[in-house]
Amino acid sequence: MKKHSPNLSKLTTKAIAVLSVVGLSGFPLSAIAETFRLREATVSDINQAFDRGHLTSEQLVQLYLNRIQAYEDKNAGINALISINSNALAEAKELDRERQEKGKRSPLHGIPIILKDNYDTADMPTTAGSVLLKGSVPPDDAFTVQKLRQAGAIILAKANMSEFASSDGWLGYSSLGGLTLNPYNLSRNPSGSSGGSAAAIAANFAMLATGTDTSGSIRGPAAVTGIVGIKPTQGLVSRNGIIPLTLSFDTAGPMARTVRDAAIALGIMAGVDANDYRTLEGKDKSHQDYTPFLKAEALNGARIGVAIDFQGGNPEVDALTKAAVAKLRELGATVEVVDFSPKLENLWSLMKKVTAAEFEPQIENYLKNLNPSFPDNLESMISLSLSNRIANSMQALNPGRIHGFKESLEHRELADIEYLSIIHFEFPKVRQEILGIMQAQNLNAIVFPTMLCPASPLYTIQNDPTYQCNVDDPYTPAYLANVSGFPGISVPMGFTEQGLPLGLTFFGAPYTEQELLGFAYAYEQATQFRRPPANTPSLSDESRNYSYRQ
């Protein structure tokens, strides 16, 4: 292929006609017509259009704003967003000027992204989805937000999320943002707590989004909305400036439609932050660019464990997991059975005790930095939640979330013997067992379904005969990564007969993101399961024809 040949993807297609013209040298040049399509465009597609002068960041932002206007309506649309950056077009225009004068800062230069609304932004409210923090603008950006802005990314919007990052039975709901719908089926939820981020990317409201993962909250939403979600090793990405739920588990990470785009975002988000002690452990263990590890042959010769503990939740999930394992073998991987101990099969009983102990002191430490007009302690949060002004309004809190507040208020003691025993004895045993199995079987990674069941019906729907889930907690597999602090990447593994996406997780030892990304990429490229939701089709102005000379 010649030097200036296009990177032909599914989204940028060469026209049937190739026109020959005569160049100044007397040799024929080919004028190649192409069509740029926004709907499933990747970061590489966008940068290619930028570089050829056929698209500006300002135009791109407007295209996404058009999609948001068309499909985000709170009464009849996806309802994935809480707020939109009113300065996005102006920021894009300035980044266009900078690109022309100085070149691009990174692959994300001029690229619109969406932040989960628990990432602090000094120029937009940060609410954790709660009416309790409505209008709260923090004093500065989260560390990760600073890195994204420095890379030239544009914060287009803030995504709806489960209130204070805990769904408590009402998946996709928050008192401030309302109920987010799954773009693939508007009667199903997008999971939680990063459901708004996942739905926004699936519906193509932006290129990338951020999420947080305390008990599967990046990977679960990614799985049920047909996108890629990375829960990194805890310590790879800073938590500084992100509203906490349980710092023992909280992890920030990217969400995107492709493994490559997620890898690009991870390279920018990762790094040491002096204000998050866990990132000091990750010093010299991250990469500024993870894309060199994305190879189609990455699974050839790899040793992959298949966790047999996570099955029986849904027959379609089981069948697609089996097919995924067969594909791994086809791609050259050696597959070994992994059988975890009963303790690792469901860690939630331990996790909820840690959350109850940590939430109060950690949220109060965050609240003390806000404007005095907002609650500064958990007791005030509960009191305000139960007040007539909120409890009897259209923005009432999820009763389950209020119950969670009360449980944490009753706990109070981080010096509690049971809590300390879990943190210092039980969780290290989990890490030891996982690493012991991987070492004993010489495994590069372990795979399992991201969730044991497809997306569940909206909490407002009492009965849906099309939904089948034979387990009490479909998130069980996700807890391994949160308790251990190890990385997990969810990638699409197909669709149910109802047209609902499912995800496969590649899980590994700490700081092996580059290896897991390689495996996820190889699987993604071999299967190509990603397809856009029918509920958010392309708009009339999203396709652009242009030509260039080869």
Protein backbone atom coordinates (compact mmCIF):
# COMPACT_ATOMS: atom_id res chain seq x y z
CA MET A 1 0.00 0.00 0.00
CA LYS A 2 1.35 3.42 -0.89
CA LYS A 3 2.41 5.92 1.71
CA HIS A 4 -0.75 8.01 1.65
CA SER A 5 -3.26 5.20 1.23
CA PRO A 6 -6.17 5.48 3.64
CA ASN A 7 -6.58 3.30 6.69
CA LEU A 8 -9.67 1.56 5.44
CA SER A 9 -11.94 0.57 8.30
CA LYS A 10 -15.55 -0.42 8.40
CA LEU A 11 -16.30 3.26 8.83
CA THR A 12 -14.22 4.98 6.17
CA THR A 13 -14.83 3.36 2.80
CA LYS A 14 -13.15 3.83 -0.53
CA ALA A 15 -15.52 4.88 -3.26
CA ILE A 16 -16.14 2.58 -6.20
CA ALA A 17 -14.74 5.10 -8.65
CA VAL A 18 -11.05 6.03 -8.62
CA LEU A 19 -10.33 9.07 -10.75
CA SER A 20 -6.97 9.47 -12.49
CA VAL A 21 -5.49 12.90 -12.97
CA VAL A 22 -2.08 14.07 -14.19
CA GLY A 23 0.26 15.50 -11.58
CA LEU A 24 2.95 18.13 -12.10
CA SER A 25 5.54 15.42 -12.56
CA GLY A 26 3.61 13.96 -15.46
CA PHE A 27 2.75 10.79 -13.57
CA PRO A 28 -0.89 9.89 -13.01
CA LEU A 29 -2.23 10.48 -9.54
CA SER A 30 -5.34 8.81 -8.18
CA ALA A 31 -8.06 10.96 -6.69
CA ILE A 32 -9.72 8.65 -4.19
CA ALA A 33 -13.22 9.44 -2.97
CA GLU A 34 -14.11 8.41 0.57
CA THR A 35 -17.09 8.66 2.86
CA PHE A 36 -16.61 9.54 6.50
CA ARG A 37 -19.35 8.15 8.75
CA LEU A 38 -19.61 9.42 12.30
CA ARG A 39 -21.78 6.70 13.79
CA GLU A 40 -19.08 4.14 14.60
CA ALA A 41 -16.02 6.25 13.84
CA THR A 42 -12.89 5.51 15.87
CA VAL A 43 -10.22 7.85 17.21
CA SER A 44 -8.05 6.85 14.22
CA ASP A 45 -10.86 7.64 11.76
CA ILE A 46 -11.37 11.05 13.33
CA ASN A 47 -7.67 11.88 13.31
CA GLN A 48 -7.42 10.81 9.67
CA ALA A 49 -10.24 13.20 8.78
CA PHE A 50 -8.60 15.96 10.84
CA ASP A 51 -5.22 15.43 9.20
CA ARG A 52 -6.65 15.61 5.68
CA GLY A 53 -8.53 18.80 6.48
CA HIS A 54 -11.94 17.27 5.87
CA LEU A 55 -13.21 17.68 9.43
CA THR A 56 -12.58 20.09 12.28
CA SER A 57 -13.02 19.53 15.97
CA GLU A 58 -15.64 22.27 16.00
CA GLN A 59 -17.62 20.43 13.33
CA LEU A 60 -17.20 17.14 15.19
CA VAL A 61 -18.51 18.60 18.45
CA GLN A 62 -21.54 19.98 16.60
CA LEU A 63 -22.24 16.56 15.06
CA TYR A 64 -22.26 15.00 18.52
CA LEU A 65 -24.43 17.78 19.92
CA ASN A 66 -26.88 17.04 17.10
CA ARG A 67 -27.00 13.39 18.13
CA ILE A 68 -27.50 14.32 21.75
CA GLN A 69 -30.36 16.64 20.82
CA ALA A 70 -31.96 13.90 18.71
CA TYR A 71 -31.66 10.96 21.10
CA GLU A 72 -31.09 12.26 24.61
CA ASP A 73 -34.53 13.71 25.39
CA LYS A 74 -35.24 13.01 29.04
CA ASN A 75 -38.87 12.07 28.45
CA ALA A 76 -38.46 9.81 25.43
CA GLY A 77 -34.75 9.26 24.83
CA ILE A 78 -31.73 7.49 26.27
CA ASN A 79 -31.26 10.05 29.08
CA ALA A 80 -27.58 9.21 29.52
CA LEU A 81 -26.34 12.71 30.38
CA ILE A 82 -26.70 15.03 33.35
CA SER A 83 -25.07 18.17 31.94
CA ILE A 84 -23.52 19.43 28.71
CA ASN A 85 -20.49 21.69 28.46
CA SER A 86 -21.77 25.01 27.09
CA ASN A 87 -18.20 25.97 26.10
CA ALA A 88 -17.49 22.80 24.09
CA LEU A 89 -17.73 24.47 20.68
CA ALA A 90 -15.50 27.35 21.72
CA GLU A 91 -12.93 24.94 23.16
CA ALA A 92 -13.03 22.91 19.96
CA LYS A 93 -12.45 26.02 17.86
CA GLU A 94 -9.40 26.94 19.95
CA LEU A 95 -8.01 23.40 19.67
CA ASP A 96 -8.49 23.55 15.89
CA ARG A 97 -6.40 26.72 15.82
CA GLU A 98 -3.73 25.10 17.99
CA ARG A 99 -3.61 22.04 15.74
CA GLN A 100 -3.00 24.25 12.72
CA GLU A 101 -0.30 26.32 14.41
CA LYS A 102 1.51 23.76 16.60
CA GLY A 103 0.24 20.31 15.70
CA LYS A 104 -1.74 17.92 17.87
CA ARG A 105 -0.97 17.23 21.53
CA SER A 106 -2.06 13.59 21.44
CA PRO A 107 -4.47 11.29 19.57
CA LEU A 108 -7.23 12.83 21.70
CA HIS A 109 -6.53 16.39 20.53
CA GLY A 110 -9.93 17.89 19.72
CA ILE A 111 -11.78 14.66 20.54
CA PRO A 112 -15.02 15.05 22.56
CA ILE A 113 -15.30 12.77 25.60
CA ILE A 114 -17.85 12.26 28.36
CA LEU A 115 -17.04 12.07 32.07
CA LYS A 116 -19.00 10.11 34.62
CA ASP A 117 -20.43 12.74 36.94
CA ASN A 118 -18.29 11.76 39.90
CA TYR A 119 -15.13 13.14 38.24
CA ASP A 120 -14.48 16.67 39.52
CA THR A 121 -14.59 19.45 36.93
CA ALA A 122 -13.86 23.01 37.99
CA ASP A 123 -15.96 24.45 35.16
CA MET A 124 -19.02 22.17 35.41
CA PRO A 125 -21.08 20.79 38.29
CA THR A 126 -20.03 17.43 39.75
CA THR A 127 -22.98 15.81 41.47
CA ALA A 128 -22.54 12.02 41.69
CA GLY A 129 -26.03 11.93 40.19
CA SER A 130 -27.54 13.32 43.38
CA VAL A 131 -29.94 16.18 43.90
CA LEU A 132 -28.06 16.64 47.19
CA LEU A 133 -25.12 18.06 45.20
CA LYS A 134 -27.13 19.81 42.48
CA GLY A 135 -25.07 22.73 41.16
CA SER A 136 -21.94 21.83 43.11
CA VAL A 137 -18.85 23.01 41.25
CA PRO A 138 -15.67 21.66 42.90
CA PRO A 139 -12.60 23.85 43.36
CA ASP A 140 -10.49 22.06 40.75
CA ASP A 141 -10.35 19.23 38.22
CA ALA A 142 -9.73 15.63 39.18
CA PHE A 143 -6.17 14.56 38.41
CA THR A 144 -7.34 12.35 35.56
CA VAL A 145 -9.45 15.15 34.11
CA GLN A 146 -6.36 17.37 34.12
CA LYS A 147 -4.47 14.72 32.14
CA LEU A 148 -7.27 14.38 29.61
CA ARG A 149 -7.51 18.13 29.12
CA GLN A 150 -3.73 18.39 28.77
CA ALA A 151 -3.97 15.77 26.01
CA GLY A 152 -6.41 18.05 24.17
CA ALA A 153 -9.60 16.15 24.91
CA ILE A 154 -12.82 18.17 25.11
CA ILE A 155 -15.17 17.47 28.01
CA LEU A 156 -18.43 17.41 26.08
CA ALA A 157 -20.76 16.33 28.88
CA LYS A 158 -21.14 14.65 32.27
CA ALA A 159 -22.90 11.28 32.34
CA ASN A 160 -25.74 10.14 34.55
CA MET A 161 -24.80 7.51 37.12
CA SER A 162 -26.22 5.52 39.98
CA GLU A 163 -26.39 7.89 42.93
CA PHE A 164 -23.03 8.12 44.69
CA ALA A 165 -21.99 5.14 42.51
CA SER A 166 -24.30 2.59 44.13
CA SER A 167 -27.40 1.27 42.34
CA ASP A 168 -29.15 -0.45 45.27
CA GLY A 169 -31.70 -2.14 43.03
CA TRP A 170 -32.55 0.83 40.79
CA LEU A 171 -30.02 0.31 38.02
CA GLY A 172 -29.57 3.39 35.82
CA TYR A 173 -31.42 5.77 38.17
CA SER A 174 -30.29 8.86 40.02
CA SER A 175 -32.33 11.52 41.79
CA LEU A 176 -30.78 14.29 39.70
CA GLY A 177 -30.44 12.55 36.33
CA GLY A 178 -33.47 10.30 36.34
CA LEU A 179 -33.49 6.92 34.61
CA THR A 180 -31.04 6.02 31.83
CA LEU A 181 -32.24 3.48 29.26
CA ASN A 182 -30.27 0.84 27.42
CA PRO A 183 -29.93 1.95 23.76
CA TYR A 184 -30.37 -1.65 22.57
CA ASN A 185 -33.69 -2.14 24.34
CA LEU A 186 -35.43 0.83 25.93
CA SER A 187 -37.16 -1.40 28.48
CA ARG A 188 -33.81 -2.66 29.83
CA ASN A 189 -31.27 -0.84 31.98
CA PRO A 190 -27.64 -0.04 31.09
CA SER A 191 -26.46 -1.54 34.40
CA GLY A 192 -24.68 0.61 36.97
CA SER A 193 -23.11 2.63 38.29
CA SER A 194 -21.44 3.84 35.06
CA GLY A 195 -24.60 3.18 33.06
CA GLY A 196 -24.83 6.72 31.71
CA SER A 197 -21.28 6.59 30.38
CA ALA A 198 -21.90 3.22 28.75
CA ALA A 199 -25.22 4.20 27.17
CA ALA A 200 -23.73 7.45 25.85
CA ILE A 201 -20.87 5.68 24.08
CA ALA A 202 -23.08 2.88 22.76
CA ALA A 203 -25.43 5.53 21.34
CA ASN A 204 -22.42 7.46 19.97
CA PHE A 205 -22.78 10.74 21.86
CA ALA A 206 -18.96 10.95 21.99
CA MET A 207 -15.82 8.95 21.21
CA LEU A 208 -14.91 7.94 24.76
CA ALA A 209 -16.17 8.09 28.33
CA THR A 210 -14.79 7.58 31.78
CA GLY A 211 -16.26 5.33 34.43
CA THR A 212 -15.49 4.13 37.92
CA ASP A 213 -15.51 0.52 39.03
CA THR A 214 -16.13 -0.40 42.68
CA SER A 215 -17.99 -3.66 42.15
CA GLY A 216 -18.11 -4.12 38.39
CA SER A 217 -19.38 -0.64 37.56
CA ILE A 218 -17.29 -0.15 34.39
CA ARG A 219 -17.33 -3.71 33.10
CA GLY A 220 -21.01 -4.52 33.75
CA PRO A 221 -22.36 -1.46 31.90
CA ALA A 222 -19.84 -2.02 29.09
CA ALA A 223 -20.99 -5.62 28.68
CA VAL A 224 -24.73 -4.87 28.47
CA THR A 225 -24.26 -1.96 26.04
CA GLY A 226 -21.88 -3.69 23.63
CA ILE A 227 -18.76 -1.62 24.29
CA VAL A 228 -15.30 -2.08 25.82
CA GLY A 229 -14.64 -1.25 29.47
CA ILE A 230 -11.31 -1.32 31.29
CA LYS A 231 -11.06 -1.69 35.05
CA PRO A 232 -7.31 -1.14 35.50
CA THR A 233 -5.07 -2.38 38.27
CA GLN A 234 -5.84 -0.25 41.30
CA GLY A 235 -2.95 2.19 41.35
CA LEU A 236 -2.59 2.58 37.60
CA VAL A 237 -5.05 5.51 37.41
CA SER A 238 -5.49 8.17 40.08
CA ARG A 239 -8.66 8.39 42.16
CA ASN A 240 -7.84 11.91 43.32
CA GLY A 241 -10.78 14.24 42.67
CA ILE A 242 -13.28 11.43 42.10
CA ILE A 243 -16.17 11.24 44.56
CA PRO A 244 -15.47 8.11 46.61
CA LEU A 245 -17.70 5.14 47.34
CA THR A 246 -15.20 2.66 48.80
CA LEU A 247 -11.56 3.54 48.29
CA SER A 248 -10.50 -0.03 48.98
CA PHE A 249 -12.18 -0.93 45.66
CA ASP A 250 -12.70 2.31 43.69
CA THR A 251 -10.90 2.35 40.35
CA ALA A 252 -11.17 4.79 37.42
CA GLY A 253 -10.98 3.67 33.81
CA PRO A 254 -12.02 4.29 30.19
CA MET A 255 -15.00 3.09 28.17
CA ALA A 256 -15.05 3.04 24.36
CA ARG A 257 -16.51 1.24 21.36
CA THR A 258 -13.22 -0.45 20.45
CA VAL A 259 -10.26 -1.91 22.30
CA ARG A 260 -7.88 0.42 20.48
CA ASP A 261 -9.77 3.55 21.51
CA ALA A 262 -9.95 2.34 25.12
CA ALA A 263 -6.20 1.61 25.04
CA ILE A 264 -5.47 5.13 23.78
CA ALA A 265 -7.50 6.63 26.62
CA LEU A 266 -5.88 4.37 29.23
CA GLY A 267 -2.40 5.50 28.19
CA ILE A 268 -3.40 9.10 28.81
CA MET A 269 -5.28 8.47 32.07
CA ALA A 270 -2.60 6.29 33.69
CA GLY A 271 0.20 7.75 35.76
CA VAL A 272 1.56 8.59 39.20
CA ASP A 273 -0.29 11.17 41.31
CA ALA A 274 1.31 12.29 44.57
CA ASN A 275 -2.18 12.80 46.02
CA ASP A 276 -3.18 9.17 45.52
CA TYR A 277 -0.79 6.90 47.38
CA ARG A 278 -1.90 3.81 45.44
CA THR A 279 -0.46 5.25 42.22
CA LEU A 280 2.98 5.34 43.82
CA GLU A 281 2.89 1.53 43.68
CA GLY A 282 2.33 1.78 39.93
CA LYS A 283 5.38 3.91 39.25
CA ASP A 284 7.20 2.66 36.12
CA LYS A 285 4.45 0.08 35.57
CA SER A 286 2.23 2.03 33.20
CA HIS A 287 2.62 2.89 29.52
CA GLN A 288 1.91 6.21 27.85
CA ASP A 289 0.88 4.28 24.75
CA TYR A 290 -0.73 0.84 24.96
CA THR A 291 -1.47 0.55 21.25
CA PRO A 292 1.81 -1.23 20.32
CA PHE A 293 0.53 -4.22 22.33
CA LEU A 294 -2.56 -4.58 20.14
CA LYS A 295 -1.72 -7.44 17.81
CA ALA A 296 -4.17 -9.68 15.98
CA GLU A 297 -1.99 -12.71 16.81
CA ALA A 298 -1.67 -11.93 20.53
CA LEU A 299 -3.61 -15.03 21.61
CA ASN A 300 -1.42 -17.40 19.61
CA GLY A 301 0.59 -19.34 22.20
CA ALA A 302 -1.11 -17.72 25.19
CA ARG A 303 -2.28 -19.83 28.11
CA ILE A 304 -5.80 -18.82 29.11
CA GLY A 305 -7.75 -20.11 32.10
CA VAL A 306 -11.52 -20.47 31.89
CA ALA A 307 -13.33 -20.00 35.20
CA ILE A 308 -15.96 -22.72 35.43
CA ASP A 309 -17.52 -21.23 38.56
CA PHE A 310 -19.42 -18.54 36.68
CA GLN A 311 -22.11 -20.33 34.73
CA GLY A 312 -25.76 -21.26 35.09
CA GLY A 313 -27.11 -17.71 35.21
CA ASN A 314 -28.53 -17.69 31.71
CA PRO A 315 -28.34 -20.30 28.93
CA GLU A 316 -27.46 -17.75 26.23
CA VAL A 317 -24.64 -16.32 28.33
CA ASP A 318 -23.33 -19.85 28.90
CA ALA A 319 -23.58 -20.71 25.18
CA LEU A 320 -21.77 -17.56 24.04
CA THR A 321 -19.09 -18.04 26.68
CA LYS A 322 -18.53 -21.55 25.38
CA ALA A 323 -18.31 -20.20 21.83
CA ALA A 324 -15.83 -17.54 23.00
CA VAL A 325 -13.59 -20.19 24.53
CA ALA A 326 -13.69 -22.14 21.27
CA LYS A 327 -12.65 -18.98 19.42
CA LEU A 328 -9.70 -18.51 21.80
CA ARG A 329 -8.53 -22.01 20.94
CA GLU A 330 -9.01 -21.29 17.25
CA LEU A 331 -6.79 -18.23 17.66
CA GLY A 332 -3.98 -20.35 19.05
CA ALA A 333 -4.51 -20.14 22.82
CA THR A 334 -4.10 -23.11 25.13
CA VAL A 335 -7.17 -23.21 27.36
CA GLU A 336 -7.11 -24.59 30.91
CA VAL A 337 -9.99 -25.03 33.36
CA VAL A 338 -9.84 -22.86 36.48
CA ASP A 339 -11.86 -23.83 39.54
CA PHE A 340 -11.90 -21.18 42.27
CA SER A 341 -12.62 -21.97 45.91
CA PRO A 342 -16.19 -21.30 47.13
CA LYS A 343 -15.02 -18.10 48.87
CA LEU A 344 -14.01 -16.54 45.56
CA GLU A 345 -17.28 -17.44 43.89
CA ASN A 346 -19.11 -14.66 45.73
CA LEU A 347 -17.20 -11.98 47.58
CA TRP A 348 -20.09 -9.57 48.04
CA SER A 349 -20.72 -10.51 51.68
CA LEU A 350 -17.25 -9.19 52.52
CA MET A 351 -17.37 -6.23 50.16
CA LYS A 352 -20.58 -4.75 51.55
CA LYS A 353 -19.08 -4.69 55.05
CA VAL A 354 -16.09 -2.75 53.77
CA THR A 355 -18.34 -0.28 51.95
CA ALA A 356 -20.44 0.24 55.07
CA ALA A 357 -17.29 1.02 57.04
CA GLU A 358 -15.58 3.31 54.54
CA PHE A 359 -18.31 5.38 52.90
CA GLU A 360 -19.02 7.79 55.75
CA PRO A 361 -15.47 8.98 56.49
CA GLN A 362 -14.50 9.04 52.83
CA ILE A 363 -17.54 10.94 51.55
CA GLU A 364 -17.26 13.42 54.41
CA ASN A 365 -13.62 14.03 53.53
CA TYR A 366 -14.79 14.91 50.01
CA LEU A 367 -17.73 17.07 51.15
CA LYS A 368 -15.60 19.29 53.38
CA ASN A 369 -13.95 20.80 50.26
CA LEU A 370 -17.25 21.91 48.72
CA ASN A 371 -19.19 25.13 49.04
CA PRO A 372 -20.71 25.42 52.55
CA SER A 373 -24.21 25.44 51.06
CA PHE A 374 -23.95 21.67 50.48
CA PRO A 375 -24.13 18.93 53.15
CA ASP A 376 -20.82 18.35 54.87
CA ASN A 377 -21.58 15.05 56.59
CA LEU A 378 -23.54 11.85 56.01
CA GLU A 379 -26.11 12.65 58.69
CA SER A 380 -27.00 15.88 56.86
CA MET A 381 -27.25 13.96 53.60
CA ILE A 382 -29.77 11.56 55.13
CA SER A 383 -31.78 14.37 56.70
CA LEU A 384 -31.97 16.28 53.42
CA SER A 385 -32.87 13.11 51.51
CA LEU A 386 -35.85 12.53 53.82
CA SER A 387 -37.03 16.15 53.80
CA ASN A 388 -40.42 16.87 52.23
CA ARG A 389 -38.77 19.08 49.63
CA ILE A 390 -36.91 16.08 48.17
CA ALA A 391 -38.72 12.95 49.36
CA ASN A 392 -42.06 14.11 47.94
CA SER A 393 -40.64 15.51 44.71
CA MET A 394 -39.89 14.10 41.26
CA GLN A 395 -36.24 13.94 42.34
CA ALA A 396 -36.62 11.62 45.31
CA LEU A 397 -33.66 9.40 46.16
CA ASN A 398 -33.74 5.67 45.62
CA PRO A 399 -34.93 4.24 48.98
CA GLY A 400 -32.23 1.59 48.74
CA ARG A 401 -29.59 4.30 48.51
CA ILE A 402 -30.90 6.00 51.64
CA HIS A 403 -30.77 2.62 53.38
CA GLY A 404 -27.12 2.35 52.33
CA PHE A 405 -26.44 5.78 53.82
CA LYS A 406 -27.97 4.66 57.10
CA GLU A 407 -25.97 1.44 57.19
CA SER A 408 -22.77 3.41 56.79
CA LEU A 409 -23.82 5.93 59.42
CA GLU A 410 -24.43 3.12 61.89
CA HIS A 411 -21.01 1.58 61.27
CA ARG A 412 -18.80 4.59 62.04
CA GLU A 413 -15.64 2.71 63.09
CA LEU A 414 -12.76 2.12 60.66
CA ALA A 415 -10.99 0.52 63.62
CA ASP A 416 -13.70 -2.17 63.75
CA ILE A 417 -12.06 -5.58 64.22
CA GLU A 418 -14.20 -7.29 61.56
CA TYR A 419 -13.40 -4.59 59.01
CA LEU A 420 -9.68 -4.75 59.72
CA SER A 421 -9.73 -8.55 59.53
CA ILE A 422 -11.36 -8.43 56.10
CA ILE A 423 -8.92 -5.82 54.78
CA HIS A 424 -5.73 -7.27 56.21
CA PHE A 425 -6.42 -11.01 56.19
CA GLU A 426 -9.35 -12.02 53.97
CA PHE A 427 -8.54 -9.90 50.94
CA PRO A 428 -4.84 -10.83 50.84
CA LYS A 429 -5.97 -14.47 50.78
CA VAL A 430 -8.06 -13.70 47.70
CA ARG A 431 -5.05 -12.21 45.94
CA GLN A 432 -2.86 -15.12 46.95
CA GLU A 433 -5.33 -17.71 45.66
CA ILE A 434 -5.72 -15.98 42.29
CA LEU A 435 -1.99 -15.55 41.80
CA GLY A 436 -1.37 -19.08 43.06
CA ILE A 437 -3.72 -20.56 40.48
CA MET A 438 -2.23 -18.48 37.68
CA GLN A 439 1.30 -19.45 38.62
CA ALA A 440 0.53 -23.13 39.17
CA GLN A 441 -1.18 -23.41 35.78
CA ASN A 442 1.20 -20.96 34.08
CA LEU A 443 -1.68 -18.76 32.91
CA ASN A 444 -1.42 -15.43 31.13
CA ALA A 445 -5.05 -14.54 31.85
CA ILE A 446 -8.39 -15.92 33.01
CA VAL A 447 -11.66 -15.42 31.13
CA PHE A 448 -15.30 -15.52 32.20
CA PRO A 449 -18.59 -13.83 31.26
CA THR A 450 -18.58 -10.24 32.48
CA MET A 451 -22.11 -10.70 33.79
CA LEU A 452 -24.02 -13.93 34.33
CA CYS A 453 -27.21 -12.54 32.77
CA PRO A 454 -28.16 -10.01 30.08
CA ALA A 455 -29.32 -6.49 30.92
CA SER A 456 -32.26 -6.69 33.32
CA PRO A 457 -35.61 -4.87 32.93
CA LEU A 458 -35.94 -1.31 34.20
CA TYR A 459 -36.80 -1.23 37.88
CA THR A 460 -40.15 0.31 36.91
CA ILE A 461 -41.13 -2.86 35.02
CA GLN A 462 -42.52 -5.47 37.38
CA ASN A 463 -42.62 -8.43 35.02
CA ASP A 464 -40.76 -9.20 31.79
CA PRO A 465 -41.20 -12.79 30.62
CA THR A 466 -38.33 -12.38 28.13
CA TYR A 467 -35.80 -11.92 30.94
CA GLN A 468 -34.18 -15.03 32.36
CA CYS A 469 -31.68 -14.95 35.21
CA ASN A 470 -31.20 -17.98 37.43
CA VAL A 471 -28.86 -16.38 39.99
CA ASP A 472 -29.42 -13.81 42.69
CA ASP A 473 -26.41 -11.70 41.73
CA PRO A 474 -25.31 -11.61 38.08
CA TYR A 475 -22.33 -9.37 38.97
CA THR A 476 -20.52 -12.10 40.91
CA PRO A 477 -17.59 -12.55 38.46
CA ALA A 478 -16.76 -8.84 38.59
CA TYR A 479 -15.92 -8.86 42.28
CA LEU A 480 -12.67 -10.76 41.74
CA ALA A 481 -11.05 -7.70 40.18
CA ASN A 482 -12.32 -5.29 42.81
CA VAL A 483 -11.29 -7.29 45.87
CA SER A 484 -7.92 -8.24 44.40
CA GLY A 485 -7.26 -4.87 42.78
CA PHE A 486 -6.27 -6.74 39.60
CA PRO A 487 -7.21 -5.59 36.06
CA GLY A 488 -10.16 -6.75 34.01
CA ILE A 489 -11.23 -5.80 30.48
CA SER A 490 -14.72 -6.48 29.15
CA VAL A 491 -15.10 -6.85 25.38
CA PRO A 492 -18.26 -7.72 23.39
CA MET A 493 -18.85 -11.45 22.91
CA GLY A 494 -22.12 -11.45 20.99
CA PHE A 495 -25.85 -10.85 21.30
CA THR A 496 -28.83 -12.72 22.73
CA GLU A 497 -31.83 -13.60 20.59
CA GLN A 498 -33.48 -10.48 22.03
CA GLY A 499 -30.62 -8.42 20.55
CA LEU A 500 -28.97 -7.65 23.89
CA PRO A 501 -25.16 -7.43 24.01
CA LEU A 502 -23.06 -9.64 26.29
CA GLY A 503 -19.44 -9.28 27.38
CA LEU A 504 -16.38 -11.47 27.96
CA THR A 505 -13.82 -10.43 30.58
CA PHE A 506 -10.06 -10.93 30.29
CA PHE A 507 -8.71 -10.88 33.86
CA GLY A 508 -5.09 -11.01 34.94
CA ALA A 509 -2.32 -10.30 37.41
CA PRO A 510 -1.54 -6.73 38.50
CA TYR A 511 -0.14 -4.35 35.90
CA THR A 512 -0.65 -6.74 32.99
CA GLU A 513 -2.97 -4.35 31.13
CA GLN A 514 -0.76 -4.46 28.05
CA GLU A 515 -1.09 -8.23 27.81
CA LEU A 516 -4.85 -8.24 28.50
CA LEU A 517 -5.38 -5.52 25.91
CA GLY A 518 -3.53 -7.63 23.36
CA PHE A 519 -5.78 -10.61 24.08
CA ALA A 520 -8.94 -8.49 24.02
CA TYR A 521 -7.88 -6.89 20.75
CA ALA A 522 -7.12 -10.22 19.09
CA TYR A 523 -10.51 -11.58 20.16
CA GLU A 524 -12.31 -8.40 19.07
CA GLN A 525 -10.67 -8.38 15.64
CA ALA A 526 -11.46 -12.06 15.07
CA THR A 527 -15.13 -11.77 16.09
CA GLN A 528 -16.23 -8.20 15.21
CA PHE A 529 -19.30 -8.45 17.44
CA ARG A 530 -19.74 -4.72 17.96
CA ARG A 531 -22.76 -3.28 16.16
CA PRO A 532 -24.61 -0.03 16.85
CA PRO A 533 -28.06 0.04 18.47
CA ALA A 534 -31.03 0.42 16.13
CA ASN A 535 -32.62 2.98 18.45
CA THR A 536 -29.97 5.62 17.69
CA PRO A 537 -29.45 5.56 13.89
CA SER A 538 -27.29 7.93 11.88
CA LEU A 539 -28.60 11.45 11.27
CA SER A 540 -28.79 12.92 7.78
CA ASP A 541 -25.73 15.17 8.16
CA GLU A 542 -23.34 12.62 9.66
CA SER A 543 -21.86 11.19 6.44
CA ARG A 544 -19.37 13.32 4.54
CA ASN A 545 -17.93 12.65 1.11
CA TYR A 546 -14.47 13.88 0.26
CA SER A 547 -11.54 12.99 -1.95
CA TYR A 548 -7.76 13.22 -1.80
CA ARG A 549 -4.95 12.51 -4.21
CA GLN A 550 -2.88 9.40 -3.73
